[in-house]
Amino acid sequence: MKKINENTLERITGGFSVWAALGIVSIVIFLSGVLSGIVHPKACNE
């Protein structure tokens, strides 16, 4: 096994970031709201 120094570690990119996780969670929450609105529609009370 080869030991990696600090400079090499800083140049490594890729993987799963926090922004990607937040984006996926946002999409899931939005789609669940849309599906909930389709399945359980509520009338506007004016």
PDB file of N, CA and C in Angstrom:
ATOM      1  N   MET A   1       0.844  -1.169   0.000  1.00  0.00           N
ATOM      2  CA  MET A   1       0.000   0.000   0.000  1.00  0.00           C
ATOM      3  C   MET A   1       0.895   1.240   0.000  1.00  0.00           C
ATOM      4  N   LYS A   2       0.525   2.212  -0.821  1.00  0.00           N
ATOM      5  CA  LYS A   2       1.320   3.430  -0.955  1.00  0.00           C
ATOM      6  C   LYS A   2       0.733   4.539  -0.096  1.00  0.00           C
ATOM      7  N   LYS A   3       1.598   5.240   0.629  1.00  0.00           N
ATOM      8  CA  LYS A   3       1.154   6.351   1.472  1.00  0.00           C
ATOM      9  C   LYS A   3       1.070   7.615   0.621  1.00  0.00           C
ATOM     10  N   ILE A   4      -0.028   8.387   0.760  1.00  0.00           N
ATOM     11  CA  ILE A   4      -0.246   9.594  -0.036  1.00  0.00           C
ATOM     12  C   ILE A   4       0.085  10.812   0.813  1.00  0.00           C
ATOM     13  N   ASN A   5       0.800  11.762   0.220  1.00  0.00           N
ATOM     14  CA  ASN A   5       1.144  12.970   0.971  1.00  0.00           C
ATOM     15  C   ASN A   5       0.003  13.998   0.894  1.00  0.00           C
ATOM     16  N   GLU A   6       0.153  15.090   1.629  1.00  0.00           N
ATOM     17  CA  GLU A   6      -0.899  16.115   1.727  1.00  0.00           C
ATOM     18  C   GLU A   6      -1.249  16.749   0.378  1.00  0.00           C
ATOM     19  N   ASN A   7      -0.255  17.041  -0.452  1.00  0.00           N
ATOM     20  CA  ASN A   7      -0.505  17.687  -1.744  1.00  0.00           C
ATOM     21  C   ASN A   7      -1.336  16.800  -2.657  1.00  0.00           C
ATOM     22  N   THR A   8      -1.051  15.528  -2.659  1.00  0.00           N
ATOM     23  CA  THR A   8      -1.810  14.603  -3.496  1.00  0.00           C
ATOM     24  C   THR A   8      -3.246  14.492  -2.997  1.00  0.00           C
ATOM     25  N   LEU A   9      -3.431  14.471  -1.693  1.00  0.00           N
ATOM     26  CA  LEU A   9      -4.783  14.381  -1.137  1.00  0.00           C
ATOM     27  C   LEU A   9      -5.630  15.594  -1.507  1.00  0.00           C
ATOM     28  N   GLU A  10      -5.028  16.765  -1.538  1.00  0.00           N
ATOM     29  CA  GLU A  10      -5.779  17.982  -1.874  1.00  0.00           C
ATOM     30  C   GLU A  10      -6.179  18.019  -3.339  1.00  0.00           C
ATOM     31  N   ARG A  11      -5.458  17.324  -4.203  1.00  0.00           N
ATOM     32  CA  ARG A  11      -5.772  17.339  -5.641  1.00  0.00           C
ATOM     33  C   ARG A  11      -6.810  16.297  -6.028  1.00  0.00           C
ATOM     34  N   ILE A  12      -7.154  15.390  -5.134  1.00  0.00           N
ATOM     35  CA  ILE A  12      -8.145  14.356  -5.454  1.00  0.00           C
ATOM     36  C   ILE A  12      -9.534  14.987  -5.462  1.00  0.00           C
ATOM     37  N   THR A  13     -10.281  14.771  -6.548  1.00  0.00           N
ATOM     38  CA  THR A  13     -11.639  15.296  -6.656  1.00  0.00           C
ATOM     39  C   THR A  13     -12.607  14.152  -6.920  1.00  0.00           C
ATOM     40  N   GLY A  14     -13.876  14.440  -6.751  1.00  0.00           N
ATOM     41  CA  GLY A  14     -14.898  13.442  -7.032  1.00  0.00           C
ATOM     42  C   GLY A  14     -15.593  13.000  -5.763  1.00  0.00           C
ATOM     43  N   GLY A  15     -16.440  12.016  -5.913  1.00  0.00           N
ATOM     44  CA  GLY A  15     -17.162  11.508  -4.769  1.00  0.00           C
ATOM     45  C   GLY A  15     -18.525  12.144  -4.642  1.00  0.00           C
ATOM     46  N   PHE A  16     -19.131  11.921  -3.535  1.00  0.00           N
ATOM     47  CA  PHE A  16     -20.491  12.392  -3.260  1.00  0.00           C
ATOM     48  C   PHE A  16     -20.404  13.560  -2.304  1.00  0.00           C
ATOM     49  N   SER A  17     -20.853  14.723  -2.731  1.00  0.00           N
ATOM     50  CA  SER A  17     -20.707  15.923  -1.907  1.00  0.00           C
ATOM     51  C   SER A  17     -21.982  16.207  -1.119  1.00  0.00           C
ATOM     52  N   VAL A  18     -21.867  17.127  -0.203  1.00  0.00           N
ATOM     53  CA  VAL A  18     -23.014  17.542   0.611  1.00  0.00           C
ATOM     54  C   VAL A  18     -24.061  18.219  -0.269  1.00  0.00           C
ATOM     55  N   TRP A  19     -23.611  18.988  -1.265  1.00  0.00           N
ATOM     56  CA  TRP A  19     -24.557  19.673  -2.159  1.00  0.00           C
ATOM     57  C   TRP A  19     -25.366  18.676  -2.972  1.00  0.00           C
ATOM     58  N   ALA A  20     -24.747  17.586  -3.392  1.00  0.00           N
ATOM     59  CA  ALA A  20     -25.478  16.567  -4.134  1.00  0.00           C
ATOM     60  C   ALA A  20     -26.528  15.910  -3.246  1.00  0.00           C
ATOM     61  N   ALA A  21     -26.178  15.645  -2.006  1.00  0.00           N
ATOM     62  CA  ALA A  21     -27.127  15.039  -1.072  1.00  0.00           C
ATOM     63  C   ALA A  21     -28.302  15.979  -0.814  1.00  0.00           C
ATOM     64  N   LEU A  22     -28.026  17.269  -0.627  1.00  0.00           N
ATOM     65  CA  LEU A  22     -29.103  18.236  -0.403  1.00  0.00           C
ATOM     66  C   LEU A  22     -30.004  18.359  -1.626  1.00  0.00           C
ATOM     67  N   GLY A  23     -29.427  18.301  -2.811  1.00  0.00           N
ATOM     68  CA  GLY A  23     -30.217  18.364  -4.035  1.00  0.00           C
ATOM     69  C   GLY A  23     -31.153  17.179  -4.166  1.00  0.00           C
ATOM     70  N   ILE A  24     -30.649  15.996  -3.860  1.00  0.00           N
ATOM     71  CA  ILE A  24     -31.479  14.794  -3.956  1.00  0.00           C
ATOM     72  C   ILE A  24     -32.606  14.842  -2.927  1.00  0.00           C
ATOM     73  N   VAL A  25     -32.296  15.260  -1.706  1.00  0.00           N
ATOM     74  CA  VAL A  25     -33.323  15.366  -0.671  1.00  0.00           C
ATOM     75  C   VAL A  25     -34.376  16.395  -1.068  1.00  0.00           C
ATOM     76  N   SER A  26     -33.959  17.517  -1.653  1.00  0.00           N
ATOM     77  CA  SER A  26     -34.908  18.544  -2.084  1.00  0.00           C
ATOM     78  C   SER A  26     -35.851  18.019  -3.154  1.00  0.00           C
ATOM     79  N   ILE A  27     -35.318  17.284  -4.103  1.00  0.00           N
ATOM     80  CA  ILE A  27     -36.146  16.725  -5.174  1.00  0.00           C
ATOM     81  C   ILE A  27     -37.150  15.721  -4.622  1.00  0.00           C
ATOM     82  N   VAL A  28     -36.717  14.883  -3.686  1.00  0.00           N
ATOM     83  CA  VAL A  28     -37.611  13.884  -3.094  1.00  0.00           C
ATOM     84  C   VAL A  28     -38.744  14.572  -2.324  1.00  0.00           C
ATOM     85  N   ILE A  29     -38.423  15.606  -1.560  1.00  0.00           N
ATOM     86  CA  ILE A  29     -39.454  16.325  -0.802  1.00  0.00           C
ATOM     87  C   ILE A  29     -40.438  17.013  -1.744  1.00  0.00           C
ATOM     88  N   PHE A  30     -39.929  17.629  -2.810  1.00  0.00           N
ATOM     89  CA  PHE A  30     -40.804  18.302  -3.774  1.00  0.00           C
ATOM     90  C   PHE A  30     -41.734  17.300  -4.451  1.00  0.00           C
ATOM     91  N   LEU A  31     -41.190  16.175  -4.898  1.00  0.00           N
ATOM     92  CA  LEU A  31     -42.022  15.172  -5.575  1.00  0.00           C
ATOM     93  C   LEU A  31     -43.046  14.558  -4.633  1.00  0.00           C
ATOM     94  N   SER A  32     -42.695  14.377  -3.368  1.00  0.00           N
ATOM     95  CA  SER A  32     -43.680  13.838  -2.427  1.00  0.00           C
ATOM     96  C   SER A  32     -44.817  14.830  -2.209  1.00  0.00           C
ATOM     97  N   GLY A  33     -44.524  16.133  -2.229  1.00  0.00           N
ATOM     98  CA  GLY A  33     -45.580  17.137  -2.122  1.00  0.00           C
ATOM     99  C   GLY A  33     -46.480  17.156  -3.340  1.00  0.00           C
ATOM    100  N   VAL A  34     -45.884  17.025  -4.511  1.00  0.00           N
ATOM    101  CA  VAL A  34     -46.680  16.984  -5.749  1.00  0.00           C
ATOM    102  C   VAL A  34     -47.587  15.758  -5.756  1.00  0.00           C
ATOM    103  N   LEU A  35     -47.050  14.605  -5.417  1.00  0.00           N
ATOM    104  CA  LEU A  35     -47.857  13.384  -5.392  1.00  0.00           C
ATOM    105  C   LEU A  35     -48.946  13.457  -4.326  1.00  0.00           C
ATOM    106  N   SER A  36     -48.644  14.057  -3.206  1.00  0.00           N
ATOM    107  CA  SER A  36     -49.651  14.224  -2.161  1.00  0.00           C
ATOM    108  C   SER A  36     -50.780  15.130  -2.643  1.00  0.00           C
ATOM    109  N   GLY A  37     -50.446  16.173  -3.382  1.00  0.00           N
ATOM    110  CA  GLY A  37     -51.462  17.062  -3.929  1.00  0.00           C
ATOM    111  C   GLY A  37     -52.333  16.391  -4.972  1.00  0.00           C
ATOM    112  N   ILE A  38     -51.767  15.489  -5.744  1.00  0.00           N
ATOM    113  CA  ILE A  38     -52.540  14.773  -6.760  1.00  0.00           C
ATOM    114  C   ILE A  38     -53.461  13.750  -6.103  1.00  0.00           C
ATOM    115  N   VAL A  39     -52.952  13.026  -5.118  1.00  0.00           N
ATOM    116  CA  VAL A  39     -53.729  11.967  -4.480  1.00  0.00           C
ATOM    117  C   VAL A  39     -54.785  12.531  -3.531  1.00  0.00           C
ATOM    118  N   HIS A  40     -54.461  13.596  -2.799  1.00  0.00           N
ATOM    119  CA  HIS A  40     -55.390  14.178  -1.826  1.00  0.00           C
ATOM    120  C   HIS A  40     -55.628  15.648  -2.158  1.00  0.00           C
ATOM    121  N   PRO A  41     -56.393  15.926  -3.227  1.00  0.00           N
ATOM    122  CA  PRO A  41     -56.630  17.339  -3.567  1.00  0.00           C
ATOM    123  C   PRO A  41     -57.560  18.000  -2.557  1.00  0.00           C
ATOM    124  N   LYS A  42     -57.303  19.263  -2.296  1.00  0.00           N
ATOM    125  CA  LYS A  42     -58.142  20.058  -1.389  1.00  0.00           C
ATOM    126  C   LYS A  42     -58.687  21.253  -2.149  1.00  0.00           C
ATOM    127  N   ALA A  43     -59.953  21.558  -1.892  1.00  0.00           N
ATOM    128  CA  ALA A  43     -60.583  22.701  -2.567  1.00  0.00           C
ATOM    129  C   ALA A  43     -60.115  24.002  -1.923  1.00  0.00           C
ATOM    130  N   CYS A  44     -60.094  25.052  -2.716  1.00  0.00           N
ATOM    131  CA  CYS A  44     -59.742  26.369  -2.200  1.00  0.00           C
ATOM    132  C   CYS A  44     -60.946  26.930  -1.434  1.00  0.00           C
ATOM    133  N   ASN A  45     -60.732  27.371  -0.222  1.00  0.00           N
ATOM    134  CA  ASN A  45     -61.819  27.957   0.568  1.00  0.00           C
ATOM    135  C   ASN A  45     -61.704  29.472   0.508  1.00  0.00           C
ATOM    136  N   GLU A  46     -62.637  30.096  -0.177  1.00  0.00           N
ATOM    137  CA  GLU A  46     -62.609  31.565  -0.295  1.00  0.00           C
ATOM    138  C   GLU A  46     -63.733  32.183   0.485  1.00  0.00           C
TER     139      GLU A  46
END
